[in-house]
Protein backbone atom coordinates (compact mmCIF):
# COMPACT_ATOMS: atom_id res chain seq x y z
CA MET A 1 29.83 19.64 75.13
CA THR A 2 28.40 16.37 73.77
CA ALA A 3 25.53 16.38 71.24
CA LYS A 4 23.19 15.04 73.91
CA ALA A 5 24.10 17.79 76.32
CA PHE A 6 23.74 20.34 73.57
CA VAL A 7 20.18 19.24 72.90
CA GLU A 8 19.26 19.42 76.56
CA GLU A 9 20.89 22.78 77.25
CA LYS A 10 20.55 24.68 73.95
CA VAL A 11 17.80 23.41 71.71
CA MET A 12 15.20 22.54 74.31
CA ASP A 13 15.43 25.65 76.47
CA ASP A 14 15.83 28.53 74.05
CA ARG A 15 12.55 29.95 75.30
CA ARG A 16 13.35 30.15 78.99
CA ALA A 17 16.97 29.61 79.97
CA SER A 18 18.18 32.56 77.89
CA GLY A 19 15.56 34.81 79.53
CA LEU A 20 14.47 35.93 76.04
CA SER A 21 11.18 35.51 74.26
CA PHE A 22 11.10 33.67 70.92
CA GLY A 23 11.07 36.96 69.04
CA GLU A 24 13.94 38.44 71.08
CA ALA A 25 16.11 35.34 70.63
CA HIS A 26 15.59 35.07 66.88
CA PHE A 27 15.06 38.64 65.73
CA GLY A 28 16.26 40.87 68.53
CA THR A 29 19.46 41.86 66.68
CA ALA A 30 17.87 42.54 63.31
CA GLN A 31 19.38 45.54 61.55
CA LEU A 32 16.35 47.33 60.08
CA GLY A 33 17.56 50.91 60.15
CA ASP A 34 15.56 51.82 63.27
CA ARG A 35 15.34 50.18 66.68
CA ARG A 36 11.56 50.65 66.63
CA ARG A 37 11.31 48.46 63.56
CA THR A 38 13.33 45.73 65.28
CA LYS A 39 11.07 45.99 68.32
CA ARG A 40 8.01 45.69 66.08
CA LEU A 41 9.48 42.61 64.36
CA VAL A 42 10.13 40.99 67.77
CA GLN A 43 6.54 41.70 68.88
CA LEU A 44 5.21 40.37 65.58
CA ALA A 45 7.24 37.13 65.89
CA ASP A 46 6.10 36.60 69.49
CA ARG A 47 2.50 37.06 68.41
CA ILE A 48 2.59 34.80 65.32
CA VAL A 49 4.47 32.00 67.09
CA ARG A 50 1.38 31.65 69.31
CA HIS A 51 -0.97 31.58 66.30
CA PRO A 52 1.14 30.41 63.34
CA GLY A 53 -1.62 29.07 61.08
CA GLU A 54 -4.00 30.54 58.54
CA THR A 55 -3.85 33.99 56.95
CA LEU A 56 -2.22 37.09 58.49
CA PRO A 57 -5.57 38.60 59.61
CA ILE A 58 -6.19 35.38 61.56
CA LYS A 59 -2.68 35.19 62.95
CA ILE A 60 -2.94 38.86 64.00
CA ASN A 61 -6.61 39.46 64.80
CA ASP A 62 -6.09 42.98 66.12
CA PRO A 63 -6.59 45.55 63.32
CA ALA A 64 -4.01 48.00 64.75
CA SER A 65 -1.35 45.30 65.06
CA LEU A 66 -2.14 43.96 61.60
CA LYS A 67 -1.75 47.44 60.13
CA ALA A 68 1.56 47.81 61.96
CA CYS A 69 2.69 44.53 60.41
CA TYR A 70 1.86 45.80 56.90
CA ARG A 71 3.69 49.06 57.57
CA LEU A 72 6.78 47.17 58.81
CA MET A 73 6.92 44.98 55.67
CA ASP A 74 6.59 48.11 53.57
CA CYS A 75 9.83 49.63 54.93
CA GLU A 76 12.75 49.55 52.47
CA PRO A 77 15.34 48.24 54.97
CA VAL A 78 13.03 45.36 55.95
CA THR A 79 14.20 42.78 53.41
CA HIS A 80 14.27 38.99 53.30
CA GLU A 81 17.98 38.99 54.14
CA ALA A 82 17.65 41.48 56.96
CA VAL A 83 14.81 39.60 58.65
CA LEU A 84 16.48 36.20 58.27
CA ALA A 85 20.00 37.32 59.29
CA PRO A 86 19.67 37.24 63.14
CA ALA A 87 18.03 33.78 63.12
CA ARG A 88 20.78 32.45 60.85
CA GLU A 89 23.42 33.94 63.15
CA LEU A 90 21.78 32.24 66.12
CA THR A 91 21.84 28.91 64.24
CA MET A 92 25.53 29.36 63.42
CA ARG A 93 26.37 30.08 67.09
CA LEU A 94 24.51 26.98 68.20
CA ILE A 95 26.28 24.86 65.54
CA GLU A 96 29.67 26.02 66.87
CA GLU A 97 28.79 24.68 70.34
CA VAL A 98 28.03 21.15 69.18
CA ARG A 99 30.73 18.55 69.76
CA GLY A 100 29.85 15.67 67.49
CA THR A 101 28.23 15.51 64.04
CA VAL A 102 26.03 18.25 62.64
CA LEU A 103 24.02 17.58 59.50
CA LEU A 104 23.23 20.45 57.14
CA ILE A 105 20.25 19.16 55.17
CA HIS A 106 19.53 20.81 51.82
CA ASP A 107 16.29 20.66 49.87
CA THR A 108 14.19 22.86 47.60
CA THR A 109 10.45 23.39 47.65
CA GLU A 110 8.12 25.52 45.56
CA LEU A 111 6.08 28.35 47.07
CA ASP A 112 3.04 28.98 44.95
CA TYR A 113 1.74 32.57 44.63
CA THR A 114 -0.07 32.18 41.31
CA GLY A 115 -3.10 34.00 42.72
CA LEU A 116 -1.14 37.19 43.41
CA THR A 117 -1.66 38.77 39.98
CA SER A 118 0.04 42.01 41.09
CA LEU A 119 3.42 40.18 41.20
CA PRO A 120 4.35 39.71 37.51
CA GLY A 121 8.05 39.13 38.27
CA LEU A 122 7.64 35.73 39.93
CA GLY A 123 9.24 32.68 38.28
CA GLN A 124 7.55 29.67 36.80
CA ILE A 125 6.97 26.60 39.05
CA GLY A 126 5.28 23.25 38.66
CA ASN A 127 4.55 22.42 35.05
CA GLY A 128 5.08 26.06 34.03
CA SER A 129 1.51 27.19 34.50
CA HIS A 130 2.03 28.40 38.11
CA ARG A 131 4.21 31.20 39.48
CA GLY A 132 6.19 31.60 42.66
CA TYR A 133 9.61 30.86 44.16
CA VAL A 134 11.88 27.86 44.04
CA THR A 135 12.96 28.03 47.69
CA HIS A 136 16.20 26.41 48.76
CA ASN A 137 16.36 25.70 52.52
CA THR A 138 19.13 24.24 54.67
CA LEU A 139 18.31 22.90 58.13
CA ALA A 140 20.96 22.22 60.79
CA ILE A 141 20.37 18.93 62.69
CA VAL A 142 22.20 17.21 65.56
CA ALA A 143 22.97 13.83 63.99
CA GLU A 144 22.99 11.88 67.24
CA THR A 145 19.49 12.87 68.32
CA ARG A 146 17.95 14.30 65.09
CA GLU A 147 17.06 17.46 66.97
CA VAL A 148 16.61 20.61 64.89
CA ILE A 149 19.17 23.37 65.62
CA GLY A 150 17.77 25.97 63.22
CA LEU A 151 17.49 27.34 59.71
CA ALA A 152 21.02 27.77 58.36
CA TYR A 153 20.21 29.13 54.89
CA GLN A 154 17.34 30.14 52.64
CA LYS A 155 17.26 31.43 49.08
CA LEU A 156 14.15 32.58 47.20
CA ALA A 157 15.05 31.77 43.59
CA LYS A 158 13.10 32.35 40.41
CA ARG A 159 13.07 29.74 37.69
CA PRO A 160 13.58 31.60 34.40
CA GLN A 161 11.95 30.77 31.11
CA ALA A 162 14.76 29.17 29.14
CA ARG A 163 15.04 29.92 25.46
CA LYS A 164 14.45 26.98 23.16
CA ASP A 165 17.58 27.81 21.20
CA GLU A 166 19.77 28.24 24.30
CA THR A 167 23.19 26.57 23.81
CA ARG A 168 24.94 24.44 26.40
CA GLU A 169 27.56 27.17 26.90
CA GLU A 170 24.88 29.82 27.44
CA MET A 171 23.10 27.58 29.93
CA ARG A 172 26.31 26.95 31.91
CA ALA A 173 27.03 30.69 32.09
CA ARG A 174 23.54 31.69 33.19
CA PRO A 175 23.83 33.13 36.77
CA ASP A 176 20.31 32.04 37.72
CA ARG A 177 20.84 28.41 36.68
CA GLU A 178 18.91 26.29 39.18
CA SER A 179 21.72 23.74 39.55
CA ARG A 180 23.86 26.48 41.17
CA LEU A 181 21.60 26.59 44.25
CA TRP A 182 23.40 23.87 46.22
CA LYS A 183 26.84 25.39 45.67
CA LYS A 184 25.59 28.87 46.58
CA ALA A 185 24.08 27.53 49.80
CA SER A 186 27.25 25.57 50.69
CA ASP A 187 29.45 28.65 50.17
CA THR A 188 27.68 30.33 53.13
CA LEU A 189 27.92 27.30 55.48
CA PRO A 190 30.70 26.22 57.86
CA ALA A 191 33.05 23.29 57.38
CA SER A 192 34.15 20.76 60.00
CA SER A 193 36.47 21.91 62.77
CA LYS A 194 38.39 20.25 65.59
CA GLY A 195 36.06 18.10 67.71
CA GLN A 196 33.20 18.57 65.28
CA ARG A 197 32.15 17.03 61.95
CA ILE A 198 29.76 18.85 59.64
CA VAL A 199 28.15 16.88 56.80
CA GLU A 200 25.97 18.26 54.03
CA ILE A 201 23.03 15.99 53.08
CA ALA A 202 21.05 16.27 49.86
CA ASP A 203 18.71 14.31 47.59
CA ARG A 204 19.18 13.43 43.91
CA ALA A 205 18.67 16.99 42.69
CA ALA A 206 22.03 17.85 44.21
CA ASP A 207 23.85 15.16 42.20
CA VAL A 208 25.66 17.91 40.30
CA LEU A 209 29.36 17.61 39.63
CA GLU A 210 29.76 21.36 40.14
CA TYR A 211 28.42 21.02 43.72
CA LEU A 212 30.40 17.87 44.57
CA ASP A 213 33.61 19.38 43.22
CA ALA A 214 33.06 22.59 45.22
CA LEU A 215 32.63 20.58 48.42
CA GLN A 216 35.82 18.66 47.71
CA VAL A 217 37.75 21.89 47.12
CA ALA A 218 36.41 23.43 50.35
CA GLY A 219 37.25 20.32 52.38
CA LYS A 220 33.61 19.72 53.30
CA HIS A 221 31.88 16.36 53.93
CA TYR A 222 28.76 15.23 52.09
CA VAL A 223 26.24 12.45 51.58
CA VAL A 224 24.29 12.95 48.33
CA ARG A 225 21.87 10.57 46.71
CA SER A 226 22.99 9.72 43.19
CA LYS A 227 20.77 10.52 40.21
CA SER A 228 23.09 9.95 37.26
CA ASN A 229 24.59 6.66 36.13
CA ARG A 230 27.98 8.32 35.79
CA ARG A 231 31.14 6.95 34.33
CA ILE A 232 33.48 5.77 37.06
CA ARG A 233 36.91 4.22 37.43
CA LEU A 234 37.46 1.41 39.88
CA GLU A 235 40.57 0.85 42.01
CA ASN A 236 41.86 -1.76 39.51
CA GLY A 237 41.67 0.84 36.71
CA GLU A 238 38.57 -0.58 35.05
CA GLN A 239 35.93 1.91 33.79
CA THR A 240 32.23 1.27 34.05
CA LYS A 241 28.89 2.93 35.02
CA LEU A 242 28.17 3.82 38.63
CA HIS A 243 24.66 2.43 39.07
CA ASP A 244 25.37 -0.70 37.03
CA TYR A 245 28.46 -1.44 39.14
CA VAL A 246 27.01 -0.87 42.59
CA ARG A 247 23.79 -2.82 41.89
CA ALA A 248 25.92 -5.84 40.99
CA LEU A 249 27.91 -5.75 44.26
CA PRO A 250 27.17 -8.56 46.71
CA ALA A 251 25.38 -7.56 49.90
CA GLN A 252 27.82 -6.85 52.74
CA ASP A 253 25.27 -6.10 55.46
CA SER A 254 21.57 -5.44 56.08
CA LYS A 255 19.45 -3.25 58.35
CA ALA A 256 15.95 -1.95 58.86
CA ILE A 257 15.13 1.63 57.79
CA GLN A 258 12.01 3.68 58.33
CA VAL A 259 10.20 4.76 55.19
CA PRO A 260 7.92 7.75 55.75
CA ALA A 261 4.35 7.85 54.52
CA ARG A 262 3.67 8.79 50.92
CA VAL A 263 0.47 9.49 49.03
CA GLY A 264 -1.44 6.21 49.12
CA GLN A 265 1.28 4.44 51.13
CA PRO A 266 1.50 4.37 54.94
CA ALA A 267 4.81 4.70 56.80
CA ARG A 268 6.60 1.36 57.11
CA SER A 269 9.83 -0.34 58.09
CA ALA A 270 11.88 -1.78 55.25
CA GLN A 271 14.62 -4.40 55.44
CA VAL A 272 17.44 -3.42 53.09
CA SER A 273 20.69 -4.91 51.91
CA ILE A 274 23.84 -2.75 51.98
CA SER A 275 26.93 -2.77 49.87
CA TRP A 276 29.68 -0.21 49.38
CA ALA A 277 32.92 0.45 47.53
CA PRO A 278 35.39 3.24 46.74
CA VAL A 279 35.07 4.71 43.22
CA THR A 280 36.34 7.65 41.21
CA LEU A 281 33.84 9.84 39.33
CA LEU A 282 35.12 10.66 35.85
CA ILE A 283 34.63 13.96 34.11
CA PRO A 284 31.90 13.83 31.43
CA PRO A 285 32.99 14.64 27.86
CA ALA A 286 30.35 17.35 27.52
CA PRO A 287 30.90 19.85 30.42
CA ARG A 288 27.90 20.70 32.55
CA GLY A 289 28.36 23.39 35.16
CA GLU A 290 31.65 24.84 36.39
CA TYR A 291 34.22 22.56 38.00
CA ARG A 292 37.93 21.83 37.90
CA GLY A 293 37.83 18.94 35.47
CA ILE A 294 39.57 16.63 37.95
CA PRO A 295 38.10 13.14 38.69
CA LEU A 296 36.60 12.90 42.18
CA LYS A 297 37.41 10.09 44.56
CA THR A 298 34.39 9.12 46.60
CA TRP A 299 32.57 6.19 48.18
CA VAL A 300 29.30 4.73 46.97
CA ILE A 301 26.75 2.94 49.18
CA CYS A 302 23.90 0.94 47.68
CA VAL A 303 20.78 0.50 49.84
CA ARG A 304 18.18 -1.85 48.31
CA GLU A 305 15.00 -3.27 49.82
CA VAL A 306 15.07 -7.07 49.99
CA ASN A 307 11.38 -8.03 49.72
CA PRO A 308 9.19 -4.97 49.17
CA PRO A 309 5.42 -5.34 49.71
CA THR A 310 3.24 -6.17 46.71
CA LYS A 311 2.49 -3.18 44.47
CA VAL A 312 4.93 -1.02 46.41
CA GLU A 313 8.08 0.36 44.82
CA GLY A 314 11.04 -0.97 46.76
CA VAL A 315 13.55 1.34 48.39
CA GLU A 316 16.77 1.95 46.46
CA TRP A 317 19.25 4.59 47.53
CA ILE A 318 22.59 4.94 45.80
CA LEU A 319 24.53 7.33 48.03
CA LEU A 320 27.75 9.18 47.28
CA THR A 321 29.93 10.31 50.19
CA ASN A 322 33.47 11.51 50.73
CA VAL A 323 33.39 10.35 54.37
CA SER A 324 35.21 7.03 54.12
CA VAL A 325 33.26 3.79 54.47
CA GLU A 326 35.56 1.10 55.82
CA ASN A 327 33.08 -1.27 57.49
CA SER A 328 29.43 -2.00 58.30
CA HIS A 329 29.31 0.56 61.11
CA ASP A 330 30.49 3.30 58.78
CA ALA A 331 27.95 2.38 56.11
CA ALA A 332 25.12 2.23 58.64
CA GLU A 333 26.07 5.65 60.04
CA ARG A 334 26.12 7.26 56.61
CA ILE A 335 22.70 5.76 55.84
CA CYS A 336 21.34 7.10 59.16
CA TRP A 337 22.60 10.52 58.20
CA TYR A 338 20.73 10.34 54.93
CA GLU A 339 17.56 9.15 56.65
CA CYS A 340 17.53 12.51 58.51
CA ARG A 341 16.81 14.18 55.15
CA TRP A 342 13.11 13.56 55.77
CA ILE A 343 13.20 16.20 58.49
CA VAL A 344 13.57 18.98 55.93
CA GLU A 345 10.44 17.69 54.19
CA GLU A 346 8.62 17.92 57.51
CA TYR A 347 9.94 21.47 57.74
CA HIS A 348 8.43 22.31 54.34
CA LYS A 349 5.10 20.91 55.52
CA ALA A 350 5.35 23.01 58.72
CA LEU A 351 6.06 26.11 56.61
CA LYS A 352 3.14 25.58 54.23
CA THR A 353 0.56 23.83 56.44
CA GLY A 354 1.56 24.96 59.91
CA CYS A 355 2.43 28.58 59.05
CA GLY A 356 0.33 29.11 55.91
CA VAL A 357 3.21 30.77 54.06
CA GLN A 358 1.41 30.41 50.70
CA GLN A 359 -1.62 32.28 52.07
CA LEU A 360 0.25 35.58 52.26
CA GLN A 361 -1.51 38.27 50.18
CA PHE A 362 1.07 41.02 49.75
CA THR A 363 0.93 43.04 46.55
CA THR A 364 4.68 43.53 46.03
CA GLU A 365 7.64 41.18 46.32
CA GLU A 366 9.41 43.71 48.58
CA ARG A 367 6.63 43.13 51.14
CA LEU A 368 6.14 39.43 50.51
CA GLN A 369 9.77 38.29 50.88
CA PRO A 370 10.44 39.51 54.44
CA ALA A 371 7.15 37.96 55.55
CA ILE A 372 8.33 34.63 54.09
CA ALA A 373 11.57 34.97 56.09
CA LEU A 374 9.64 35.60 59.29
CA LEU A 375 7.38 32.59 58.82
CA SER A 376 10.32 30.40 57.76
CA VAL A 377 11.95 30.92 61.18
CA ILE A 378 8.67 30.36 63.01
CA ALA A 379 8.20 27.09 61.09
CA VAL A 380 11.38 25.79 62.71
CA SER A 381 9.82 26.43 66.13
CA LEU A 382 7.05 23.93 65.23
CA LEU A 383 9.64 21.19 64.76
CA LYS A 384 11.39 22.20 67.99
CA LEU A 385 8.03 21.99 69.75
CA ARG A 386 8.05 18.28 68.90
CA ASP A 387 11.74 17.82 69.76
CA VAL A 388 11.40 19.07 73.34
CA GLY A 389 8.86 16.39 74.24
CA ARG A 390 11.09 13.62 72.83
CA GLY A 391 14.26 14.76 74.62
CA PRO A 392 16.05 12.37 77.01
CA ALA A 393 15.21 14.49 80.03
CA ALA A 394 11.51 15.03 79.23
CA ALA A 395 10.37 12.57 81.88
CA THR A 396 12.17 14.35 84.73
CA ASN A 397 12.51 18.03 83.78
CA ARG A 398 9.77 20.38 84.84
CA ALA A 399 7.60 21.92 82.13
CA THR A 400 8.08 25.34 83.70
CA ASP A 401 11.77 25.12 82.82
CA TYR A 402 10.77 25.55 79.13
CA PHE A 403 7.29 27.11 79.22
CA SER A 404 5.72 29.91 81.20
CA ASP A 405 3.85 29.20 84.41
CA LEU A 406 0.67 30.46 82.74
CA GLU A 407 1.03 28.06 79.78
CA VAL A 408 1.51 25.13 82.14
CA LYS A 409 -1.36 26.18 84.40
CA ALA A 410 -3.80 26.70 81.54
CA LEU A 411 -3.03 23.32 79.98
CA SER A 412 -3.19 21.46 83.31
CA LEU A 413 -6.53 23.14 84.10
CA TRP A 414 -7.91 21.72 80.85
CA ARG A 415 -6.32 18.28 81.30
CA TYR A 416 -6.54 17.75 85.10
CA ASN A 417 -9.22 20.24 86.12
CA GLU A 418 -6.77 22.15 88.35
CA PRO A 419 -4.00 24.69 87.69
CA ARG A 420 -0.70 22.95 88.34
CA THR A 421 2.93 23.94 87.84
CA ASP A 422 4.51 20.59 88.72
CA LEU A 423 4.01 18.92 85.30
CA THR A 424 7.03 17.31 83.72
CA VAL A 425 7.89 18.09 80.12
CA HIS A 426 6.58 14.67 79.18
CA GLU A 427 3.24 15.24 80.91
CA PHE A 428 2.95 18.71 79.32
CA TYR A 429 3.54 17.41 75.84
CA TYR A 430 1.17 14.52 76.03
CA ALA A 431 -1.51 16.80 77.44
CA LEU A 432 -0.78 19.23 74.57
CA ALA A 433 -0.97 16.34 72.09
CA ARG A 434 -4.27 15.23 73.63
CA LEU A 435 -5.60 18.73 73.13
CA GLY A 436 -4.56 18.46 69.48
CA GLY A 437 -6.37 15.15 68.96
CA HIS A 438 -3.73 12.57 69.90
CA GLN A 439 -5.34 9.63 71.73
CA ASN A 440 -2.33 8.79 73.92
CA ARG A 441 -2.90 5.06 73.54
CA LYS A 442 -0.08 2.62 74.30
CA ASN A 443 0.49 1.64 70.69
CA ASP A 444 0.19 5.13 69.25
CA HIS A 445 3.26 6.73 67.77
CA PRO A 446 4.72 9.69 69.69
CA PRO A 447 2.93 12.90 68.75
CA GLY A 448 4.36 14.73 65.77
CA TRP A 449 4.65 18.44 65.17
CA LEU A 450 1.28 18.69 63.41
CA VAL A 451 -0.82 17.36 66.32
CA LEU A 452 1.26 19.40 68.78
CA TRP A 453 0.72 22.49 66.63
CA ARG A 454 -3.01 21.91 66.71
CA GLY A 455 -2.87 21.55 70.47
CA TRP A 456 -0.67 24.68 70.79
CA THR A 457 -3.20 26.65 68.70
CA GLN A 458 -6.06 25.37 70.90
CA LEU A 459 -4.16 26.32 74.03
CA GLN A 460 -3.81 30.02 73.17
CA PRO A 461 -7.51 31.00 73.72
CA MET A 462 -7.29 29.19 77.08
CA ILE A 463 -4.25 31.26 78.04
CA ALA A 464 -6.02 34.47 77.02
CA THR A 465 -9.03 33.48 79.14
CA ALA A 466 -6.78 32.56 82.06
CA GLN A 467 -5.14 36.00 81.88
CA LYS A 468 -8.50 37.70 82.00
CA LEU A 469 -9.52 35.58 84.98
CA GLY A 470 -6.27 36.38 86.76
CA LEU A 471 -4.98 32.79 86.73
CA GLY A 472 -1.52 34.02 85.79
CA LYS A 473 -1.31 35.91 89.12
CA CYS A 474 -2.06 32.87 91.24
CA GLY A 475 0.63 31.59 93.61
């Protein structure tokens, strides 16, 4: 199955073609010690995916159902790992069916629960004055289409208070050392197989020799943005510094890349020069982390903006990869893979803004952590909501192939003043975006997950009203 066919058949239709609801597909096999608990988790997921935002009492506005949610999270077998496991297993099955390139995108984000004073065991975050989790997430992406497959890994880590007199050896041996997170995540993830290439993508925080060495040993592919100006050896035997060397290389190609919006800076297109070369990373004299002590052969790609706008910091990516770069096509492909890293940042925004994960008010970590797992899976559905409308078959496939008749009828009644079931996926999504505030003008960008999420939230009261009016029973 090609990556394109995978997107059309697997990612876009996981709500209808399987015959399962969202909760059944992602949590139906959860091992919680009692089938009734699994059934409750499924019901809870199906309810929250319709109202993902705000606090739990707003997501679940029925007192009895809210109380049932609290009781479920209070059960000892209902842990973060147990709730997340079936969704991860689903992601792994979908990865196996892709024929092409799958990107496993790593990133960490901080979940702030400083206001929960009943949780003294949380770790320090931010500048040390806040408390919460350093959360490591790995998203699986189809490289060809940038469609989200699912959440492949999540770890809720606690940043410890390091002693001022801690030695280098003690730091290296510490099991909760934050630099171990990437290796721990990779150890749980699949490697490439016949007919399929899996590449791990990470930002500068993952430029850790321990992680790069572990990937090399496991035979896994990676593209990691370089942080350290490491000592390297060139093919002619000369030794120099990585960043100094690659910045001095002549440009071998150029391309345009999309730079996402930042605080005070709108999204823009940047023209960059590209150069690349094979290098060998040398072992530092003072060991940091745990690795074999063997120099690593890799490729380095330098991406530098040619003429950045005034008062704007120009783009510069120095990328390390063990997927060979022999020509301009190879270099451009590796850069495109790294550009997909922004998707995991969108995921973190969906988790925090779209699902309100930091608004949870549980009084124990045992209750809080499984709720985080539940919302983390639901946050992926917000990105998939966007992906369906951008799929190659959106203009021809019927919306009822992916959404219920009632959802399509309710939205068409709002948009076209009549209940219809003949909307295409494209028509459904632009109507949903319009409901969320998108203006649908010719020059507007395609609707993102946030505006679709707003529209989806607005649609739910209409569906409830339609059910009461018997619209769902119409022919």
